[in-house]
C-alpha atoms as a PDB file:
ATOM      1  CA  UNK A   1      32.306 -15.630  71.631  1.00  0.00           C
ATOM      2  CA  UNK A   2      33.352 -12.559  74.464  1.00  0.00           C
ATOM      3  CA  UNK A   3      30.398 -10.524  72.113  1.00  0.00           C
ATOM      4  CA  UNK A   4      27.914 -12.956  72.587  1.00  0.00           C
ATOM      5  CA  UNK A   5      28.939 -13.647  76.553  1.00  0.00           C
ATOM      6  CA  UNK A   6      28.383  -9.872  77.828  1.00  0.00           C
ATOM      7  CA  UNK A   7      25.403  -9.950  75.276  1.00  0.00           C
ATOM      8  CA  UNK A   8      24.140 -12.686  77.201  1.00  0.00           C
ATOM      9  CA  UNK A   9      24.923 -11.055  80.131  1.00  0.00           C
ATOM     10  CA  UNK A  10      23.898  -7.560  79.419  1.00  0.00           C
ATOM     11  CA  UNK A  11      20.124  -8.936  78.425  1.00  0.00           C
ATOM     12  CA  UNK A  12      19.905 -11.051  81.504  1.00  0.00           C
ATOM     13  CA  UNK A  13      21.216  -7.791  83.128  1.00  0.00           C
ATOM     14  CA  UNK A  14      18.758  -5.243  81.919  1.00  0.00           C
ATOM     15  CA  UNK A  15      16.029  -8.350  81.992  1.00  0.00           C
ATOM     16  CA  UNK A  16      16.177  -7.702  85.638  1.00  0.00           C
ATOM     17  CA  UNK A  17      16.572  -4.970  86.003  1.00  0.00           C
ATOM     18  CA  UNK A  18      13.373  -3.863  84.559  1.00  0.00           C
ATOM     19  CA  UNK A  19      11.856  -6.757  86.395  1.00  0.00           C
ATOM     20  CA  UNK A  20      13.086  -5.104  89.862  1.00  0.00           C
ATOM     21  CA  UNK A  21      12.001  -1.918  88.620  1.00  0.00           C
ATOM     22  CA  UNK A  22       8.475  -2.651  87.491  1.00  0.00           C
ATOM     23  CA  UNK A  23       9.026  -1.846  84.127  1.00  0.00           C
ATOM     24  CA  UNK A  24       6.913  -5.167  82.872  1.00  0.00           C
ATOM     25  CA  UNK A  25       3.629  -4.185  85.325  1.00  0.00           C
ATOM     26  CA  UNK A  26       1.326  -2.411  83.028  1.00  0.00           C
ATOM     27  CA  UNK A  27      -0.390  -0.617  85.232  1.00  0.00           C
ATOM     28  CA  UNK A  28       2.231   1.120  86.585  1.00  0.00           C
ATOM     29  CA  UNK A  29       3.542   2.097  83.066  1.00  0.00           C
ATOM     30  CA  UNK A  30       0.072   3.150  82.267  1.00  0.00           C
ATOM     31  CA  UNK A  31      -0.283   5.001  85.733  1.00  0.00           C
ATOM     32  CA  UNK A  32       2.656   6.574  84.987  1.00  0.00           C
ATOM     33  CA  UNK A  33       1.808   7.464  81.737  1.00  0.00           C
ATOM     34  CA  UNK A  34      -1.687   9.146  82.357  1.00  0.00           C
ATOM     35  CA  UNK A  35      -0.023  12.685  83.258  1.00  0.00           C
ATOM     36  CA  UNK A  36      -3.931  14.270  82.763  1.00  0.00           C
ATOM     37  CA  UNK A  37      -5.348  11.899  85.236  1.00  0.00           C
ATOM     38  CA  UNK A  38      -4.655   9.392  88.271  1.00  0.00           C
ATOM     39  CA  UNK A  39      -0.315  10.314  87.670  1.00  0.00           C
ATOM     40  CA  UNK A  40       2.111   7.685  88.815  1.00  0.00           C
ATOM     41  CA  UNK A  41       5.660   9.508  88.951  1.00  0.00           C
ATOM     42  CA  UNK A  42       7.516   6.389  90.291  1.00  0.00           C
ATOM     43  CA  UNK A  43       8.866   5.461  87.272  1.00  0.00           C
ATOM     44  CA  UNK A  44      10.610   8.953  86.686  1.00  0.00           C
ATOM     45  CA  UNK A  45      13.313   7.165  89.257  1.00  0.00           C
ATOM     46  CA  UNK A  46      13.793   4.714  87.379  1.00  0.00           C
ATOM     47  CA  UNK A  47      13.895   7.056  83.912  1.00  0.00           C
ATOM     48  CA  UNK A  48      16.330   9.194  85.803  1.00  0.00           C
ATOM     49  CA  UNK A  49      18.160   6.480  86.723  1.00  0.00           C
ATOM     50  CA  UNK A  50      19.065   5.252  83.441  1.00  0.00           C
ATOM     51  CA  UNK A  51      19.661   8.727  81.961  1.00  0.00           C
ATOM     52  CA  UNK A  52      21.784   9.452  84.916  1.00  0.00           C
ATOM     53  CA  UNK A  53      23.978   6.139  84.562  1.00  0.00           C
ATOM     54  CA  UNK A  54      24.018   6.433  80.552  1.00  0.00           C
ATOM     55  CA  UNK A  55      25.820  10.240  81.247  1.00  0.00           C
ATOM     56  CA  UNK A  56      28.147   9.419  84.021  1.00  0.00           C
ATOM     57  CA  UNK A  57      28.816   6.151  82.146  1.00  0.00           C
ATOM     58  CA  UNK A  58      29.121   7.553  78.313  1.00  0.00           C
ATOM     59  CA  UNK A  59      31.727  10.551  79.095  1.00  0.00           C
ATOM     60  CA  UNK A  60      34.305   7.711  80.289  1.00  0.00           C
ATOM     61  CA  UNK A  61      33.404   4.954  77.575  1.00  0.00           C
ATOM     62  CA  UNK A  62      34.090   7.501  74.832  1.00  0.00           C
ATOM     63  CA  UNK A  63      37.046   8.474  76.098  1.00  0.00           C
ATOM     64  CA  UNK A  64      38.732   4.973  75.297  1.00  0.00           C
ATOM     65  CA  UNK A  65      40.400   4.546  71.914  1.00  0.00           C
ATOM     66  CA  UNK A  66      37.758   1.712  71.334  1.00  0.00           C
ATOM     67  CA  UNK A  67      35.044  -0.426  73.085  1.00  0.00           C
ATOM     68  CA  UNK A  68      36.718  -3.162  75.611  1.00  0.00           C
ATOM     69  CA  UNK A  69      35.131  -5.983  73.738  1.00  0.00           C
ATOM     70  CA  UNK A  70      34.612  -4.554  69.603  1.00  0.00           C
ATOM     71  CA  UNK A  71      36.822  -2.546  67.605  1.00  0.00           C
ATOM     72  CA  UNK A  72      35.473   0.350  67.539  1.00  0.00           C
ATOM     73  CA  UNK A  73      32.612   2.385  68.422  1.00  0.00           C
ATOM     74  CA  UNK A  74      29.485   2.156  66.316  1.00  0.00           C
ATOM     75  CA  UNK A  75      27.714   5.748  67.292  1.00  0.00           C
ATOM     76  CA  UNK A  76      24.608   7.274  65.918  1.00  0.00           C
ATOM     77  CA  UNK A  77      25.638   9.566  62.798  1.00  0.00           C
ATOM     78  CA  UNK A  78      22.026  10.555  61.708  1.00  0.00           C
ATOM     79  CA  UNK A  79      21.120  14.206  63.537  1.00  0.00           C
ATOM     80  CA  UNK A  80      17.742  14.958  61.029  1.00  0.00           C
ATOM     81  CA  UNK A  81      14.224  14.743  62.291  1.00  0.00           C
ATOM     82  CA  UNK A  82      12.753  13.743  59.914  1.00  0.00           C
ATOM     83  CA  UNK A  83       8.812  12.765  59.074  1.00  0.00           C
ATOM     84  CA  UNK A  84       9.160   9.069  59.131  1.00  0.00           C
ATOM     85  CA  UNK A  85      10.987  10.068  62.696  1.00  0.00           C
ATOM     86  CA  UNK A  86       8.038  12.121  63.656  1.00  0.00           C
ATOM     87  CA  UNK A  87       5.277   9.714  62.601  1.00  0.00           C
ATOM     88  CA  UNK A  88       7.417   6.534  63.993  1.00  0.00           C
ATOM     89  CA  UNK A  89       7.518   8.478  67.497  1.00  0.00           C
ATOM     90  CA  UNK A  90       4.026   9.314  67.248  1.00  0.00           C
ATOM     91  CA  UNK A  91       3.076   5.482  66.145  1.00  0.00           C
ATOM     92  CA  UNK A  92       5.215   4.301  69.241  1.00  0.00           C
ATOM     93  CA  UNK A  93       3.706   6.252  71.772  1.00  0.00           C
ATOM     94  CA  UNK A  94      -0.210   5.386  70.703  1.00  0.00           C
ATOM     95  CA  UNK A  95       0.834   1.257  70.917  1.00  0.00           C
ATOM     96  CA  UNK A  96       3.374   2.460  74.329  1.00  0.00           C
ATOM     97  CA  UNK A  97      -0.115   4.238  75.991  1.00  0.00           C
ATOM     98  CA  UNK A  98      -2.345   1.030  74.592  1.00  0.00           C
ATOM     99  CA  UNK A  99      -0.882  -1.481  75.332  1.00  0.00           C
ATOM    100  CA  UNK A 100       1.460  -0.461  78.483  1.00  0.00           C
ATOM    101  CA  UNK A 101       4.700  -2.075  77.030  1.00  0.00           C
ATOM    102  CA  UNK A 102       7.559  -1.221  74.861  1.00  0.00           C
ATOM    103  CA  UNK A 103       9.635  -3.795  73.456  1.00  0.00           C
ATOM    104  CA  UNK A 104      11.026  -4.357  76.091  1.00  0.00           C
ATOM    105  CA  UNK A 105       9.671  -4.827  78.873  1.00  0.00           C
ATOM    106  CA  UNK A 106       7.175  -6.478  76.561  1.00  0.00           C
ATOM    107  CA  UNK A 107       9.441  -9.504  76.370  1.00  0.00           C
ATOM    108  CA  UNK A 108      10.231  -9.151  80.098  1.00  0.00           C
ATOM    109  CA  UNK A 109       6.727  -9.578  80.864  1.00  0.00           C
ATOM    110  CA  UNK A 110       6.835 -13.090  79.119  1.00  0.00           C
ATOM    111  CA  UNK A 111       7.749 -14.297  81.999  1.00  0.00           C
ATOM    112  CA  UNK A 112       4.217 -13.252  83.743  1.00  0.00           C
ATOM    113  CA  UNK A 113       2.723 -15.781  82.354  1.00  0.00           C
ATOM    114  CA  UNK A 114       0.199 -13.278  80.845  1.00  0.00           C
ATOM    115  CA  UNK A 115      -1.547 -13.202  78.114  1.00  0.00           C
ATOM    116  CA  UNK A 116      -1.208  -9.228  77.196  1.00  0.00           C
ATOM    117  CA  UNK A 117       2.529  -9.608  76.605  1.00  0.00           C
ATOM    118  CA  UNK A 118       2.072 -12.443  74.109  1.00  0.00           C
ATOM    119  CA  UNK A 119      -0.177 -10.569  72.707  1.00  0.00           C
ATOM    120  CA  UNK A 120       1.938  -7.796  72.446  1.00  0.00           C
ATOM    121  CA  UNK A 121       5.324  -9.349  71.533  1.00  0.00           C
ATOM    122  CA  UNK A 122       2.870 -11.160  68.450  1.00  0.00           C
ATOM    123  CA  UNK A 123       1.513  -7.298  67.515  1.00  0.00           C
ATOM    124  CA  UNK A 124       4.408  -6.106  67.807  1.00  0.00           C
ATOM    125  CA  UNK A 125       6.881  -8.052  65.466  1.00  0.00           C
ATOM    126  CA  UNK A 126       3.599  -8.161  62.814  1.00  0.00           C
ATOM    127  CA  UNK A 127       4.415  -4.297  62.603  1.00  0.00           C
ATOM    128  CA  UNK A 128       7.659  -4.270  62.216  1.00  0.00           C
ATOM    129  CA  UNK A 129       7.141  -7.077  59.208  1.00  0.00           C
ATOM    130  CA  UNK A 130       4.106  -4.502  57.447  1.00  0.00           C
ATOM    131  CA  UNK A 131       6.712  -2.008  57.744  1.00  0.00           C
ATOM    132  CA  UNK A 132       9.954  -4.287  56.317  1.00  0.00           C
ATOM    133  CA  UNK A 133       7.248  -4.783  53.476  1.00  0.00           C
ATOM    134  CA  UNK A 134       6.305  -1.426  53.203  1.00  0.00           C
ATOM    135  CA  UNK A 135      10.082   0.003  53.695  1.00  0.00           C
ATOM    136  CA  UNK A 136      10.867  -3.552  50.599  1.00  0.00           C
ATOM    137  CA  UNK A 137       7.860  -1.454  48.735  1.00  0.00           C
ATOM    138  CA  UNK A 138       9.466   1.558  48.427  1.00  0.00           C
ATOM    139  CA  UNK A 139      12.814   1.179  48.474  1.00  0.00           C
ATOM    140  CA  UNK A 140      12.237  -0.476  45.022  1.00  0.00           C
ATOM    141  CA  UNK A 141      11.006   2.451  43.542  1.00  0.00           C
ATOM    142  CA  UNK A 142      13.715   4.539  44.944  1.00  0.00           C
ATOM    143  CA  UNK A 143      16.975   2.531  44.794  1.00  0.00           C
ATOM    144  CA  UNK A 144      18.964   5.196  46.254  1.00  0.00           C
ATOM    145  CA  UNK A 145      17.536   5.363  49.935  1.00  0.00           C
ATOM    146  CA  UNK A 146      18.553   1.852  50.220  1.00  0.00           C
ATOM    147  CA  UNK A 147      21.173   2.586  52.799  1.00  0.00           C
ATOM    148  CA  UNK A 148      18.748   4.648  55.337  1.00  0.00           C
ATOM    149  CA  UNK A 149      16.937   0.878  56.092  1.00  0.00           C
ATOM    150  CA  UNK A 150      19.666  -1.529  56.338  1.00  0.00           C
END
């Protein structure tokens, strides 16, 4: 129950932060991504603030023997850069540049009541389902890779 409450509070904090920082304003995001044109650098403060808080907080949090609301830390173990990672980041970047949303702000922007975030969320769910279908096909041909996709 504690984990669900923490997830709820974290989501509320995240959604409020995205809204307050204007990360749900697709025009502001597209302006930030337009580094070769009419660039709007204001979202650098959001990025810098997020990275700064994380760098400082993680130094203290990872010194704990375990997380406060779990029995162990779940940290990434893969550090390799492979073709799926490169292609996935490129596709993500293209989608972000076209839509002006990434998943968190896209979901949060649903509160605006405009069609763009709704269409974006539907499309990224469909894109995820297409990947799951594709991954299922490739896993069936090579069962030894199944752990990568779980």
